[in-house]
Amino acid sequence: MKTFKRIMIGSMAVMVLSVFTLNLAAQPKPWVVPDNFKTMKNPVARGDASNKAGMALYTKNCASCHGKTGLGDGVKARALKESTGDFSKPAFQDQADGELFYKTKSGRGEMPKYEGKLADDDIWNIVNYMRTFKK
């Protein structure tokens, strides 16, 4: 009976440790943005023209992963190892425009970089459009 209890306690400890380790692995790594981008001002004025341009660019380049309304529910999202995030949440919307510009331009992991693929003003239009996802 003592041996059975030891086996059960050992098995439970392994299960708890496994769940704890999996939860740690699922946490997204912080995305470090250089300070000069955090304070960068958006040179493209927000408004209908920018939102229209940003929507077209976002639909073409971003929606397949991030979803039409930025909820992270695009058709390709399920196949990704990393979360695409939810652009409507404060964790996203509280970032400075320059931070969003840097992340879009530079990419990381499964997120492609758009440097050399899109002009800077196009990326700024996407940033302005992503601001419309705020709840």
C-alpha atoms as a PDB file:
ATOM      1  CA  MET A   1       0.000   0.000   0.000  1.00  0.00           C
ATOM      2  CA  LYS A   2       2.882   2.372   0.801  1.00  0.00           C
ATOM      3  CA  THR A   3       4.410   1.686  -2.606  1.00  0.00           C
ATOM      4  CA  PHE A   4       1.117   2.475  -4.313  1.00  0.00           C
ATOM      5  CA  LYS A   5       0.841   5.793  -2.416  1.00  0.00           C
ATOM      6  CA  ARG A   6       4.400   6.728  -3.417  1.00  0.00           C
ATOM      7  CA  ILE A   7       3.682   5.946  -7.062  1.00  0.00           C
ATOM      8  CA  MET A   8       0.481   8.012  -6.959  1.00  0.00           C
ATOM      9  CA  ILE A   9       2.175  10.974  -5.253  1.00  0.00           C
ATOM     10  CA  GLY A  10       5.076  10.794  -7.707  1.00  0.00           C
ATOM     11  CA  SER A  11       2.699  10.646 -10.671  1.00  0.00           C
ATOM     12  CA  MET A  12       0.727  13.618  -9.396  1.00  0.00           C
ATOM     13  CA  ALA A  13       3.917  15.625  -8.890  1.00  0.00           C
ATOM     14  CA  VAL A  14       5.000  14.912 -12.466  1.00  0.00           C
ATOM     15  CA  MET A  15       1.571  15.965 -13.770  1.00  0.00           C
ATOM     16  CA  VAL A  16       1.585  19.235 -11.804  1.00  0.00           C
ATOM     17  CA  LEU A  17       5.119  20.018 -12.935  1.00  0.00           C
ATOM     18  CA  SER A  18       4.195  19.265 -16.565  1.00  0.00           C
ATOM     19  CA  VAL A  19       1.171  21.560 -16.483  1.00  0.00           C
ATOM     20  CA  PHE A  20       3.238  24.323 -14.847  1.00  0.00           C
ATOM     21  CA  THR A  21       5.978  23.961 -17.470  1.00  0.00           C
ATOM     22  CA  LEU A  22       3.471  24.003 -20.346  1.00  0.00           C
ATOM     23  CA  ASN A  23       1.867  27.177 -18.984  1.00  0.00           C
ATOM     24  CA  LEU A  24       5.258  28.874 -18.799  1.00  0.00           C
ATOM     25  CA  ALA A  25       6.066  27.853 -22.351  1.00  0.00           C
ATOM     26  CA  ALA A  26       2.742  29.243 -23.589  1.00  0.00           C
ATOM     27  CA  GLN A  27       3.479  32.730 -22.246  1.00  0.00           C
ATOM     28  CA  PRO A  28       4.531  35.110 -25.019  1.00  0.00           C
ATOM     29  CA  LYS A  29       8.033  36.478 -24.786  1.00  0.00           C
ATOM     30  CA  PRO A  30       8.230  40.222 -24.256  1.00  0.00           C
ATOM     31  CA  TRP A  31       8.737  42.102 -27.510  1.00  0.00           C
ATOM     32  CA  VAL A  32      11.484  44.595 -26.789  1.00  0.00           C
ATOM     33  CA  VAL A  33      11.116  47.825 -28.742  1.00  0.00           C
ATOM     34  CA  PRO A  34      14.088  50.202 -28.975  1.00  0.00           C
ATOM     35  CA  ASP A  35      13.551  53.445 -27.051  1.00  0.00           C
ATOM     36  CA  ASN A  36      13.807  55.631 -30.155  1.00  0.00           C
ATOM     37  CA  PHE A  37      10.698  53.907 -31.574  1.00  0.00           C
ATOM     38  CA  LYS A  38       8.750  54.271 -28.325  1.00  0.00           C
ATOM     39  CA  THR A  39       8.950  58.053 -28.616  1.00  0.00           C
ATOM     40  CA  MET A  40       8.605  58.235 -32.408  1.00  0.00           C
ATOM     41  CA  LYS A  41       5.763  60.436 -33.588  1.00  0.00           C
ATOM     42  CA  ASN A  42       3.385  59.193 -36.257  1.00  0.00           C
ATOM     43  CA  PRO A  43       3.891  61.470 -39.291  1.00  0.00           C
ATOM     44  CA  VAL A  44       0.631  60.348 -40.950  1.00  0.00           C
ATOM     45  CA  ALA A  45      -2.455  62.165 -39.691  1.00  0.00           C
ATOM     46  CA  ARG A  46      -5.304  59.987 -38.478  1.00  0.00           C
ATOM     47  CA  GLY A  47      -8.536  60.299 -40.381  1.00  0.00           C
ATOM     48  CA  ASP A  48     -10.693  58.819 -43.096  1.00  0.00           C
ATOM     49  CA  ALA A  49      -8.039  58.869 -45.835  1.00  0.00           C
ATOM     50  CA  SER A  50      -5.439  57.144 -43.656  1.00  0.00           C
ATOM     51  CA  ASN A  51      -7.969  54.623 -42.331  1.00  0.00           C
ATOM     52  CA  LYS A  52      -9.102  53.758 -45.856  1.00  0.00           C
ATOM     53  CA  ALA A  53      -5.508  53.242 -47.038  1.00  0.00           C
ATOM     54  CA  GLY A  54      -4.655  51.361 -43.831  1.00  0.00           C
ATOM     55  CA  MET A  55      -7.697  49.099 -44.151  1.00  0.00           C
ATOM     56  CA  ALA A  56      -6.733  48.084 -47.694  1.00  0.00           C
ATOM     57  CA  LEU A  57      -3.139  47.367 -46.652  1.00  0.00           C
ATOM     58  CA  TYR A  58      -4.205  45.569 -43.456  1.00  0.00           C
ATOM     59  CA  THR A  59      -6.709  43.413 -45.359  1.00  0.00           C
ATOM     60  CA  LYS A  60      -4.052  42.420 -47.878  1.00  0.00           C
ATOM     61  CA  ASN A  61      -1.122  41.880 -45.492  1.00  0.00           C
ATOM     62  CA  CYS A  62      -2.426  41.281 -41.966  1.00  0.00           C
ATOM     63  CA  ALA A  63      -6.016  40.012 -41.802  1.00  0.00           C
ATOM     64  CA  SER A  64      -5.219  36.426 -42.757  1.00  0.00           C
ATOM     65  CA  CYS A  65      -3.537  35.980 -39.359  1.00  0.00           C
ATOM     66  CA  HIS A  66      -4.848  38.839 -37.218  1.00  0.00           C
ATOM     67  CA  GLY A  67      -8.463  38.688 -38.431  1.00  0.00           C
ATOM     68  CA  LYS A  68     -10.638  41.308 -40.119  1.00  0.00           C
ATOM     69  CA  THR A  69     -11.160  43.202 -36.872  1.00  0.00           C
ATOM     70  CA  GLY A  70      -7.834  42.417 -35.189  1.00  0.00           C
ATOM     71  CA  LEU A  71      -9.124  39.791 -32.784  1.00  0.00           C
ATOM     72  CA  GLY A  72      -6.397  37.304 -33.741  1.00  0.00           C
ATOM     73  CA  ASP A  73      -8.881  35.020 -35.455  1.00  0.00           C
ATOM     74  CA  GLY A  74      -7.666  35.052 -39.052  1.00  0.00           C
ATOM     75  CA  VAL A  75      -7.832  31.883 -41.144  1.00  0.00           C
ATOM     76  CA  LYS A  76      -4.086  31.286 -40.754  1.00  0.00           C
ATOM     77  CA  ALA A  77      -4.043  31.935 -36.978  1.00  0.00           C
ATOM     78  CA  ARG A  78      -4.900  28.337 -36.040  1.00  0.00           C
ATOM     79  CA  ALA A  79      -1.807  27.035 -37.825  1.00  0.00           C
ATOM     80  CA  LEU A  80       0.572  29.365 -35.977  1.00  0.00           C
ATOM     81  CA  LYS A  81       2.569  28.363 -32.919  1.00  0.00           C
ATOM     82  CA  GLU A  82       2.452  31.880 -31.463  1.00  0.00           C
ATOM     83  CA  SER A  83      -0.636  33.877 -30.540  1.00  0.00           C
ATOM     84  CA  THR A  84      -1.472  36.697 -32.931  1.00  0.00           C
ATOM     85  CA  GLY A  85      -2.894  38.745 -30.067  1.00  0.00           C
ATOM     86  CA  ASP A  86      -6.051  40.829 -29.842  1.00  0.00           C
ATOM     87  CA  PHE A  87      -5.634  44.343 -31.186  1.00  0.00           C
ATOM     88  CA  SER A  88      -8.798  45.557 -29.434  1.00  0.00           C
ATOM     89  CA  LYS A  89      -7.430  44.991 -25.931  1.00  0.00           C
ATOM     90  CA  PRO A  90      -5.721  47.666 -23.829  1.00  0.00           C
ATOM     91  CA  ALA A  91      -2.429  45.714 -23.852  1.00  0.00           C
ATOM     92  CA  PHE A  92      -2.230  46.428 -27.573  1.00  0.00           C
ATOM     93  CA  GLN A  93      -3.957  49.799 -27.771  1.00  0.00           C
ATOM     94  CA  ASP A  94      -1.899  51.285 -24.909  1.00  0.00           C
ATOM     95  CA  GLN A  95       1.303  50.916 -26.924  1.00  0.00           C
ATOM     96  CA  ALA A  96       2.729  54.016 -28.586  1.00  0.00           C
ATOM     97  CA  ASP A  97       2.293  54.397 -32.346  1.00  0.00           C
ATOM     98  CA  GLY A  98       6.052  54.028 -32.736  1.00  0.00           C
ATOM     99  CA  GLU A  99       5.977  50.667 -30.967  1.00  0.00           C
ATOM    100  CA  LEU A 100       3.320  49.358 -33.349  1.00  0.00           C
ATOM    101  CA  PHE A 101       5.249  50.785 -36.296  1.00  0.00           C
ATOM    102  CA  TYR A 102       8.451  49.029 -35.151  1.00  0.00           C
ATOM    103  CA  LYS A 103       6.722  45.669 -34.633  1.00  0.00           C
ATOM    104  CA  THR A 104       5.009  45.816 -38.020  1.00  0.00           C
ATOM    105  CA  LYS A 105       8.153  46.924 -39.805  1.00  0.00           C
ATOM    106  CA  SER A 106      10.568  44.541 -38.056  1.00  0.00           C
ATOM    107  CA  GLY A 107       8.491  41.427 -37.478  1.00  0.00           C
ATOM    108  CA  ARG A 108       9.512  38.595 -35.172  1.00  0.00           C
ATOM    109  CA  GLY A 109       9.186  34.827 -35.212  1.00  0.00           C
ATOM    110  CA  GLU A 110       6.194  33.899 -37.345  1.00  0.00           C
ATOM    111  CA  MET A 111       5.310  37.576 -37.806  1.00  0.00           C
ATOM    112  CA  PRO A 112       6.912  38.632 -41.102  1.00  0.00           C
ATOM    113  CA  LYS A 113       8.774  41.897 -41.366  1.00  0.00           C
ATOM    114  CA  TYR A 114       7.430  44.484 -43.748  1.00  0.00           C
ATOM    115  CA  GLU A 115      10.610  46.522 -44.035  1.00  0.00           C
ATOM    116  CA  GLY A 116      11.388  46.688 -47.743  1.00  0.00           C
ATOM    117  CA  LYS A 117       7.927  45.320 -48.599  1.00  0.00           C
ATOM    118  CA  LEU A 118       5.848  48.327 -47.555  1.00  0.00           C
ATOM    119  CA  ALA A 119       6.746  52.013 -47.507  1.00  0.00           C
ATOM    120  CA  ASP A 120       6.969  53.621 -44.073  1.00  0.00           C
ATOM    121  CA  ASP A 121       3.858  55.737 -44.758  1.00  0.00           C
ATOM    122  CA  ASP A 122       1.957  52.548 -45.598  1.00  0.00           C
ATOM    123  CA  ILE A 123       2.947  51.046 -42.252  1.00  0.00           C
ATOM    124  CA  TRP A 124       1.838  54.251 -40.498  1.00  0.00           C
ATOM    125  CA  ASN A 125      -1.533  53.972 -42.274  1.00  0.00           C
ATOM    126  CA  ILE A 126      -1.845  50.415 -40.963  1.00  0.00           C
ATOM    127  CA  VAL A 127      -1.023  51.670 -37.444  1.00  0.00           C
ATOM    128  CA  ASN A 128      -3.747  54.310 -37.756  1.00  0.00           C
ATOM    129  CA  TYR A 129      -6.215  51.690 -38.990  1.00  0.00           C
ATOM    130  CA  MET A 130      -5.350  49.296 -36.139  1.00  0.00           C
ATOM    131  CA  ARG A 131      -6.351  52.086 -33.746  1.00  0.00           C
ATOM    132  CA  THR A 132      -9.932  51.707 -34.987  1.00  0.00           C
ATOM    133  CA  PHE A 133     -10.068  48.241 -33.360  1.00  0.00           C
ATOM    134  CA  LYS A 134     -10.138  49.824 -29.897  1.00  0.00           C
ATOM    135  CA  LYS A 135     -13.195  48.795 -27.884  1.00  0.00           C
END
